[in-house]
Amino acid sequence: MKDFFKGILVIAALISAFFMGLQLGKTKEKAKIPNFQEDTEAHI
């Protein structure tokens, strides 16, 4: 029974790490894209 709970804990940790990495990757990709709307408003 201990092994069962350890397995569930490991699977939950892997899934949460995967989704955290996915979220961090999205924010990094969004940071690479310049915000064009702010630039045009500043030059007007």
Protein backbone atom coordinates (compact mmCIF):
# COMPACT_ATOMS: atom_id res chain seq x y z
CA MET A 1 0.00 0.00 0.00
CA LYS A 2 2.94 2.35 0.70
CA ASP A 3 4.24 1.79 -2.82
CA PHE A 4 0.85 2.72 -4.25
CA PHE A 5 0.83 6.10 -2.48
CA LYS A 6 4.45 6.71 -3.42
CA GLY A 7 3.55 6.03 -7.04
CA ILE A 8 0.63 8.43 -6.92
CA LEU A 9 2.85 11.08 -5.30
CA VAL A 10 5.51 10.65 -7.99
CA ILE A 11 2.95 10.87 -10.79
CA ALA A 12 1.40 13.99 -9.24
CA ALA A 13 4.84 15.59 -8.91
CA LEU A 14 5.69 14.82 -12.53
CA ILE A 15 2.40 16.21 -13.80
CA SER A 16 2.74 19.40 -11.74
CA ALA A 17 6.35 19.87 -12.91
CA PHE A 18 5.23 19.43 -16.51
CA PHE A 19 2.51 22.06 -16.21
CA MET A 20 4.84 24.46 -14.39
CA GLY A 21 7.37 24.11 -17.20
CA LEU A 22 4.65 24.66 -19.76
CA GLN A 23 3.53 27.84 -18.02
CA LEU A 24 7.08 29.17 -17.66
CA GLY A 25 7.73 28.43 -21.33
CA LYS A 26 4.64 30.37 -22.37
CA THR A 27 5.66 33.42 -20.34
CA LYS A 28 9.19 33.31 -21.79
CA GLU A 29 7.84 33.17 -25.35
CA LYS A 30 5.43 36.05 -24.65
CA ALA A 31 8.31 38.13 -23.25
CA LYS A 32 10.18 37.75 -26.55
CA ILE A 33 7.34 39.38 -28.51
CA PRO A 34 7.57 43.18 -28.41
CA ASN A 35 4.44 45.08 -27.46
CA PHE A 36 3.77 47.12 -30.61
CA GLN A 37 0.71 48.90 -29.26
CA GLU A 38 2.67 50.58 -26.45
CA ASP A 39 5.34 51.73 -28.93
CA THR A 40 2.84 53.40 -31.28
CA GLU A 41 1.07 55.23 -28.43
CA ALA A 42 4.37 56.56 -27.10
CA HIS A 43 5.37 58.08 -30.47
CA ILE A 44 2.09 59.88 -31.14
